[in-house]
């Protein structure tokens, strides 16, 4: 009797990314050997002829035409809603080069454990293939104050891959650059949060799944290379704004009330300090982006409170039987203190 081969839908969200599709889509088609898999390009209203390009050069790839640029979060929600028969979704960035056998070990892992809701492969940098990549590395963690980091990446310090993260491990969040997620859970828990537009939305999704008792894991037997900064480059004021605003929204939606009373004021103060630091270093645009993010978060608090209540209901509806919130991947200290005051630069130095 053959083992079950669940249906996998690999969905690449695209916005004016013909150059990335031309460069990286061939690797996806060549390296994807999983037999029950469909590959989609979900186009977010591109004006560079992306759809015609894919139809001409990659006719086996299915097109989902979103009509307009919804951003990362809503763009995926709209696209995935059209795929009814998938058991697993793979949210794959258009600037990712995959390697042989990149799907099989993750599906094998997730099929054998009903608790695993999401998973990511090992993420190395396309431009420095011996090193981990910023957006995911060997799986994401979060500290006590809600700052996110990765095994293999602290702030801008990316480790060389020497096999130090070659064991499967449970983490707190999986990168949106190559996110495997069980389709039924994705739908039931509400998918990505449309209001995030881009950045942090995959962490928010993983946090909700973990609150429902599920696990998020890292699978080193699957390897991909990420270009990085394909939509918004590092240092972009827009990227800074979204990262700071979305992080505050995520904390407000997912921390307990007691945690928020203590942590939220500290976070707001730390973000102001970050803005002052940007001014002192001459980066006034970054400082403005941080303060704008704070203002937009605070003025829309009633909206975030309503979302918090909606998320709470969905988490309870999909809760794994008798499971408590899964706290694996939360670092019970401050990585800000560890990095800037104690000089710690690597994940292994935390423990």
Protein backbone atom coordinates (compact mmCIF):
# COMPACT_ATOMS: atom_id res chain seq x y z
CA UNK A 1 0.00 0.00 0.00
CA UNK A 2 1.43 3.36 -1.08
CA UNK A 3 1.70 6.08 1.57
CA UNK A 4 -0.68 9.00 1.27
CA UNK A 5 0.55 11.81 -0.95
CA UNK A 6 -1.32 14.91 0.13
CA UNK A 7 -1.95 17.64 -2.39
CA UNK A 8 0.57 20.50 -2.22
CA UNK A 9 -0.01 23.93 -3.76
CA UNK A 10 3.14 26.03 -4.20
CA UNK A 11 2.00 29.63 -4.57
CA UNK A 12 4.39 32.38 -5.64
CA UNK A 13 3.03 35.88 -5.06
CA UNK A 14 4.21 38.33 -7.70
CA UNK A 15 4.04 42.05 -8.27
CA UNK A 16 6.00 43.43 -11.21
CA UNK A 17 8.54 40.69 -10.69
CA UNK A 18 9.18 39.42 -14.21
CA UNK A 19 12.94 39.52 -13.62
CA UNK A 20 12.64 37.35 -10.50
CA UNK A 21 10.27 34.93 -12.21
CA UNK A 22 12.66 34.59 -15.13
CA UNK A 23 15.57 33.94 -12.79
CA UNK A 24 14.03 31.71 -10.12
CA UNK A 25 10.95 29.99 -11.53
CA UNK A 26 13.06 27.55 -13.59
CA UNK A 27 14.64 26.24 -10.35
CA UNK A 28 11.20 25.71 -8.82
CA UNK A 29 10.03 23.71 -11.82
CA UNK A 30 13.26 21.71 -12.16
CA UNK A 31 13.75 20.89 -8.48
CA UNK A 32 10.13 20.15 -7.58
CA UNK A 33 9.85 16.37 -7.82
CA UNK A 34 7.01 15.88 -5.35
CA UNK A 35 4.38 14.04 -7.44
CA UNK A 36 1.14 15.59 -6.13
CA UNK A 37 2.06 19.25 -6.50
CA UNK A 38 0.70 22.21 -8.45
CA UNK A 39 2.63 25.43 -8.94
CA UNK A 40 0.86 28.77 -9.11
CA UNK A 41 1.87 32.36 -9.71
CA UNK A 42 -0.55 34.68 -7.94
CA UNK A 43 -0.22 38.05 -9.63
CA UNK A 44 -0.97 41.21 -7.62
CA UNK A 45 -2.00 43.49 -10.49
CA UNK A 46 1.40 43.66 -12.18
CA UNK A 47 1.94 46.18 -14.98
CA UNK A 48 5.17 44.67 -16.32
CA UNK A 49 3.59 41.85 -18.34
CA UNK A 50 4.27 39.20 -15.69
CA UNK A 51 1.18 37.13 -16.51
CA UNK A 52 1.88 37.04 -20.25
CA UNK A 53 5.52 36.17 -19.53
CA UNK A 54 4.61 33.17 -17.35
CA UNK A 55 1.96 31.96 -19.79
CA UNK A 56 4.45 32.08 -22.66
CA UNK A 57 7.55 30.64 -20.99
CA UNK A 58 6.11 28.44 -18.22
CA UNK A 59 2.80 27.05 -19.51
CA UNK A 60 2.62 24.38 -16.79
CA UNK A 61 2.38 27.07 -14.10
CA UNK A 62 -1.15 28.06 -13.19
CA UNK A 63 -2.07 31.75 -12.95
CA UNK A 64 -4.18 33.39 -10.27
CA UNK A 65 -4.98 36.97 -11.30
CA UNK A 66 -5.63 39.11 -8.23
CA UNK A 67 -6.36 42.16 -10.44
CA UNK A 68 -4.73 44.66 -8.04
CA UNK A 69 -1.82 44.97 -5.61
CA UNK A 70 -3.23 43.75 -2.31
CA UNK A 71 0.17 43.46 -0.65
CA UNK A 72 1.64 40.24 0.73
CA UNK A 73 -1.00 39.38 3.32
CA UNK A 74 -4.24 40.05 1.47
CA UNK A 75 -2.65 39.02 -1.81
CA UNK A 76 -2.07 35.54 -0.45
CA UNK A 77 -5.48 35.39 1.23
CA UNK A 78 -7.25 36.24 -2.03
CA UNK A 79 -5.14 33.79 -4.03
CA UNK A 80 -5.34 30.86 -1.61
CA UNK A 81 -9.12 31.23 -1.35
CA UNK A 82 -9.32 30.10 -4.99
CA UNK A 83 -7.43 26.83 -4.31
CA UNK A 84 -9.97 24.39 -2.88
CA UNK A 85 -8.24 21.00 -3.15
CA UNK A 86 -4.87 21.55 -1.44
CA UNK A 87 -3.90 19.83 1.80
CA UNK A 88 -0.82 22.05 2.16
CA UNK A 89 -0.03 25.56 1.02
CA UNK A 90 3.55 26.62 0.34
CA UNK A 91 3.93 30.40 0.33
CA UNK A 92 7.09 30.90 -1.71
CA UNK A 93 8.73 34.23 -2.48
CA UNK A 94 9.49 34.93 -6.12
CA UNK A 95 13.16 35.58 -5.22
CA UNK A 96 13.82 32.09 -3.82
CA UNK A 97 15.95 29.41 -5.47
CA UNK A 98 14.92 25.95 -4.31
CA UNK A 99 17.06 22.83 -4.30
CA UNK A 100 16.37 19.16 -5.02
CA UNK A 101 14.01 17.36 -2.67
CA UNK A 102 12.89 20.58 -0.99
CA UNK A 103 9.23 19.58 -0.52
CA UNK A 104 9.37 15.89 0.43
CA UNK A 105 11.08 16.03 3.86
CA UNK A 106 8.77 18.77 5.11
CA UNK A 107 5.57 17.03 4.00
CA UNK A 108 6.87 13.75 5.46
CA UNK A 109 7.48 15.53 8.76
CA UNK A 110 4.13 17.32 8.88
CA UNK A 111 2.17 14.22 7.87
CA UNK A 112 3.57 12.29 10.80
CA UNK A 113 2.66 14.79 13.48
CA UNK A 114 -0.83 16.26 13.68
CA UNK A 115 0.48 18.96 16.03
CA UNK A 116 2.70 20.53 13.35
CA UNK A 117 0.79 23.36 11.70
CA UNK A 118 3.61 25.14 9.86
CA UNK A 119 7.18 24.51 8.82
CA UNK A 120 10.07 26.18 7.07
CA UNK A 121 13.20 24.89 5.31
CA UNK A 122 16.76 26.01 5.97
CA UNK A 123 17.17 29.48 4.45
CA UNK A 124 20.58 30.46 3.15
CA UNK A 125 21.52 33.69 1.38
CA UNK A 126 21.52 33.61 -2.41
CA UNK A 127 24.41 36.08 -2.50
CA UNK A 128 26.48 34.25 0.13
CA UNK A 129 25.43 30.64 -0.10
CA UNK A 130 27.56 29.48 2.82
CA UNK A 131 25.66 31.73 5.24
CA UNK A 132 22.16 31.89 6.67
CA UNK A 133 19.82 34.50 5.25
CA UNK A 134 18.25 37.37 7.15
CA UNK A 135 14.58 36.48 6.59
CA UNK A 136 14.26 33.10 8.26
CA UNK A 137 17.69 31.47 8.66
CA UNK A 138 17.13 28.33 10.78
CA UNK A 139 13.75 29.32 12.20
CA UNK A 140 12.34 32.28 14.06
CA UNK A 141 12.21 33.08 17.78
CA UNK A 142 10.77 36.01 19.73
CA UNK A 143 11.98 37.61 22.94
CA UNK A 144 10.06 38.62 26.06
CA UNK A 145 9.39 42.11 24.69
CA UNK A 146 8.24 40.96 21.27
CA UNK A 147 11.42 41.52 19.26
CA UNK A 148 11.90 38.82 16.66
CA UNK A 149 15.14 37.11 15.66
CA UNK A 150 16.32 33.85 14.12
CA UNK A 151 18.52 30.92 14.91
CA UNK A 152 21.46 31.85 12.74
CA UNK A 153 20.63 35.58 12.49
CA UNK A 154 20.81 38.28 15.16
CA UNK A 155 19.87 41.70 13.85
CA UNK A 156 22.22 42.06 10.84
CA UNK A 157 24.66 39.33 11.91
CA UNK A 158 24.13 36.21 9.79
CA UNK A 159 26.05 33.08 10.77
CA UNK A 160 27.95 30.79 8.45
CA UNK A 161 26.20 27.43 8.14
CA UNK A 162 28.58 24.91 9.69
CA UNK A 163 25.92 22.34 10.48
CA UNK A 164 25.11 23.88 13.85
CA UNK A 165 21.37 23.86 13.03
CA UNK A 166 21.14 20.54 11.22
CA UNK A 167 18.59 19.00 13.56
CA UNK A 168 14.87 19.42 13.18
CA UNK A 169 13.74 21.89 15.80
CA UNK A 170 10.56 23.48 17.05
CA UNK A 171 10.63 27.28 16.67
CA UNK A 172 8.26 30.18 17.29
CA UNK A 173 7.70 31.33 13.71
CA UNK A 174 8.45 30.21 10.19
CA UNK A 175 9.54 32.60 7.48
CA UNK A 176 7.09 33.87 4.88
CA UNK A 177 9.80 33.43 2.24
CA UNK A 178 9.10 29.67 2.17
CA UNK A 179 6.23 28.88 4.50
CA UNK A 180 4.60 25.44 4.54
CA UNK A 181 1.23 25.44 6.32
CA UNK A 182 -1.66 22.99 6.59
CA UNK A 183 -4.36 24.44 4.37
CA UNK A 184 -7.28 23.56 6.64
CA UNK A 185 -5.70 25.34 9.61
CA UNK A 186 -4.77 28.33 7.47
CA UNK A 187 -8.40 28.74 6.45
CA UNK A 188 -9.90 28.06 9.86
CA UNK A 189 -7.71 30.48 11.78
CA UNK A 190 -8.29 33.32 9.33
CA UNK A 191 -5.13 33.25 7.22
CA UNK A 192 -2.77 36.21 7.20
CA UNK A 193 -3.94 39.52 8.61
CA UNK A 194 -4.87 41.77 5.67
CA UNK A 195 -4.09 44.93 7.64
CA UNK A 196 -0.41 44.06 7.89
CA UNK A 197 -0.01 44.51 4.09
CA UNK A 198 3.55 43.14 4.34
CA UNK A 199 6.06 42.20 7.08
CA UNK A 200 5.37 40.31 10.32
CA UNK A 201 2.15 38.77 9.01
CA UNK A 202 3.63 35.26 8.93
CA UNK A 203 4.83 35.67 12.54
CA UNK A 204 1.35 36.76 13.60
CA UNK A 205 -0.13 33.70 11.86
CA UNK A 206 2.34 31.35 13.54
CA UNK A 207 1.68 32.96 16.92
CA UNK A 208 -2.07 32.38 16.57
CA UNK A 209 -1.47 28.76 15.60
CA UNK A 210 0.79 28.30 18.62
CA UNK A 211 -1.81 29.90 20.88
CA UNK A 212 -4.15 27.17 19.63
CA UNK A 213 -1.66 24.55 20.81
CA UNK A 214 0.03 23.73 17.50
CA UNK A 215 3.74 23.55 16.71
CA UNK A 216 5.87 25.41 14.19
CA UNK A 217 9.05 23.62 13.11
CA UNK A 218 12.26 24.03 11.13
CA UNK A 219 13.31 21.24 8.76
CA UNK A 220 17.04 21.34 7.82
CA UNK A 221 16.70 18.55 5.25
CA UNK A 222 15.01 21.08 2.97
CA UNK A 223 17.24 23.90 1.68
CA UNK A 224 16.44 27.07 -0.27
CA UNK A 225 18.37 30.22 -1.13
CA UNK A 226 16.71 33.62 -0.68
CA UNK A 227 17.72 36.74 -2.60
CA UNK A 228 16.07 39.06 -0.04
CA UNK A 229 14.64 42.56 -0.27
CA UNK A 230 12.79 41.76 -3.47
CA UNK A 231 9.81 43.98 -2.71
CA UNK A 232 11.12 46.48 -0.15
CA UNK A 233 14.89 46.74 0.39
CA UNK A 234 16.52 46.94 3.83
CA UNK A 235 16.61 50.56 4.99
CA UNK A 236 13.48 51.59 3.12
CA UNK A 237 11.36 53.98 5.26
CA UNK A 238 8.26 52.08 4.12
CA UNK A 239 9.78 48.80 5.31
CA UNK A 240 10.78 50.40 8.64
CA UNK A 241 7.26 51.76 9.09
CA UNK A 242 5.59 48.41 8.40
CA UNK A 243 8.00 46.47 10.63
CA UNK A 244 7.51 48.77 13.65
CA UNK A 245 3.74 49.25 13.20
CA UNK A 246 3.01 45.60 12.48
CA UNK A 247 5.12 44.41 15.38
CA UNK A 248 3.07 46.55 17.78
CA UNK A 249 -0.20 45.29 16.26
CA UNK A 250 1.00 41.70 16.55
CA UNK A 251 1.91 42.13 20.22
CA UNK A 252 -1.40 43.79 20.99
CA UNK A 253 -3.35 40.96 19.36
CA UNK A 254 -1.44 38.06 20.88
CA UNK A 255 -0.08 38.96 24.32
CA UNK A 256 -2.30 38.46 27.36
CA UNK A 257 -3.81 41.55 29.01
CA UNK A 258 -1.41 41.25 31.93
CA UNK A 259 1.58 41.03 29.61
CA UNK A 260 0.40 44.06 27.64
CA UNK A 261 0.08 46.22 30.74
CA UNK A 262 3.77 45.68 31.42
CA UNK A 263 5.30 45.14 27.99
CA UNK A 264 3.48 47.60 25.72
CA UNK A 265 4.65 50.81 27.52
CA UNK A 266 8.22 49.50 27.53
CA UNK A 267 8.04 48.67 23.84
CA UNK A 268 6.69 52.11 22.97
CA UNK A 269 9.56 53.68 24.94
CA UNK A 270 12.17 51.43 23.30
CA UNK A 271 10.83 52.33 19.86
CA UNK A 272 11.11 56.04 20.71
CA UNK A 273 14.71 55.41 21.77
CA UNK A 274 15.26 53.72 18.39
CA UNK A 275 13.88 56.82 16.67
CA UNK A 276 16.20 59.10 18.67
CA UNK A 277 19.14 56.84 17.79
CA UNK A 278 18.20 57.19 14.11
CA UNK A 279 18.15 60.99 14.40
CA UNK A 280 21.55 61.03 16.11
CA UNK A 281 22.98 58.88 13.32
CA UNK A 282 21.57 61.26 10.71
CA UNK A 283 18.77 59.01 9.47
CA UNK A 284 15.78 61.30 9.98
CA UNK A 285 13.64 59.40 7.45
CA UNK A 286 13.92 56.23 9.54
CA UNK A 287 13.05 58.17 12.71
CA UNK A 288 9.96 59.62 11.04
CA UNK A 289 8.92 56.14 9.90
CA UNK A 290 9.19 54.79 13.46
CA UNK A 291 7.17 57.64 14.98
CA UNK A 292 4.58 57.39 12.20
CA UNK A 293 4.25 53.67 12.94
CA UNK A 294 3.62 54.42 16.63
CA UNK A 295 1.03 57.07 15.83
CA UNK A 296 -0.88 54.87 13.40
CA UNK A 297 -0.85 52.00 15.88
CA UNK A 298 -2.16 54.15 18.75
CA UNK A 299 -4.85 55.98 16.82
CA UNK A 300 -6.30 52.68 15.55
CA UNK A 301 -6.35 50.90 18.93
CA UNK A 302 -10.14 50.30 18.78
CA UNK A 303 -9.65 48.49 15.48
CA UNK A 304 -6.84 46.33 16.86
CA UNK A 305 -8.92 45.54 19.96
CA UNK A 306 -11.74 44.29 17.72
CA UNK A 307 -9.26 42.12 15.81
CA UNK A 308 -7.87 40.83 19.09
CA UNK A 309 -11.34 39.61 20.06
CA UNK A 310 -11.94 38.02 16.64
CA UNK A 311 -8.59 36.23 16.77
CA UNK A 312 -9.31 34.94 20.26
CA UNK A 313 -12.52 33.30 19.03
CA UNK A 314 -10.80 31.72 16.02
CA UNK A 315 -7.95 30.40 18.17
CA UNK A 316 -10.44 28.66 20.44
CA UNK A 317 -12.33 27.20 17.48
CA UNK A 318 -9.22 25.54 16.03
CA UNK A 319 -7.51 24.66 19.31
CA UNK A 320 -5.83 21.27 19.29
CA UNK A 321 -7.78 19.04 21.72
CA UNK A 322 -6.85 19.84 25.32
CA UNK A 323 -3.68 21.68 24.25
CA UNK A 324 -2.42 24.82 25.94
CA UNK A 325 -0.68 27.69 24.20
CA UNK A 326 2.66 26.51 22.85
CA UNK A 327 5.43 28.73 24.26
CA UNK A 328 8.40 27.05 22.56
CA UNK A 329 10.55 29.63 20.81
CA UNK A 330 9.98 32.47 23.30
CA UNK A 331 13.24 33.76 24.76
CA UNK A 332 12.47 34.88 28.35
CA UNK A 333 14.90 37.81 28.27
CA UNK A 334 15.69 40.82 26.06
CA UNK A 335 17.78 40.38 22.93
CA UNK A 336 18.21 44.17 22.88
CA UNK A 337 20.10 43.97 26.17
CA UNK A 338 21.97 40.84 25.10
CA UNK A 339 23.05 42.28 21.76
CA UNK A 340 23.81 45.92 22.55
CA UNK A 341 24.94 45.70 26.18
CA UNK A 342 26.31 42.19 26.57
CA UNK A 343 27.80 41.84 23.10
CA UNK A 344 26.08 38.56 22.25
CA UNK A 345 25.98 37.96 18.49
CA UNK A 346 25.01 34.31 18.09
CA UNK A 347 22.02 32.23 19.06
CA UNK A 348 24.04 29.67 21.02
CA UNK A 349 25.33 32.43 23.30
CA UNK A 350 21.84 32.96 24.72
CA UNK A 351 21.78 29.67 26.63
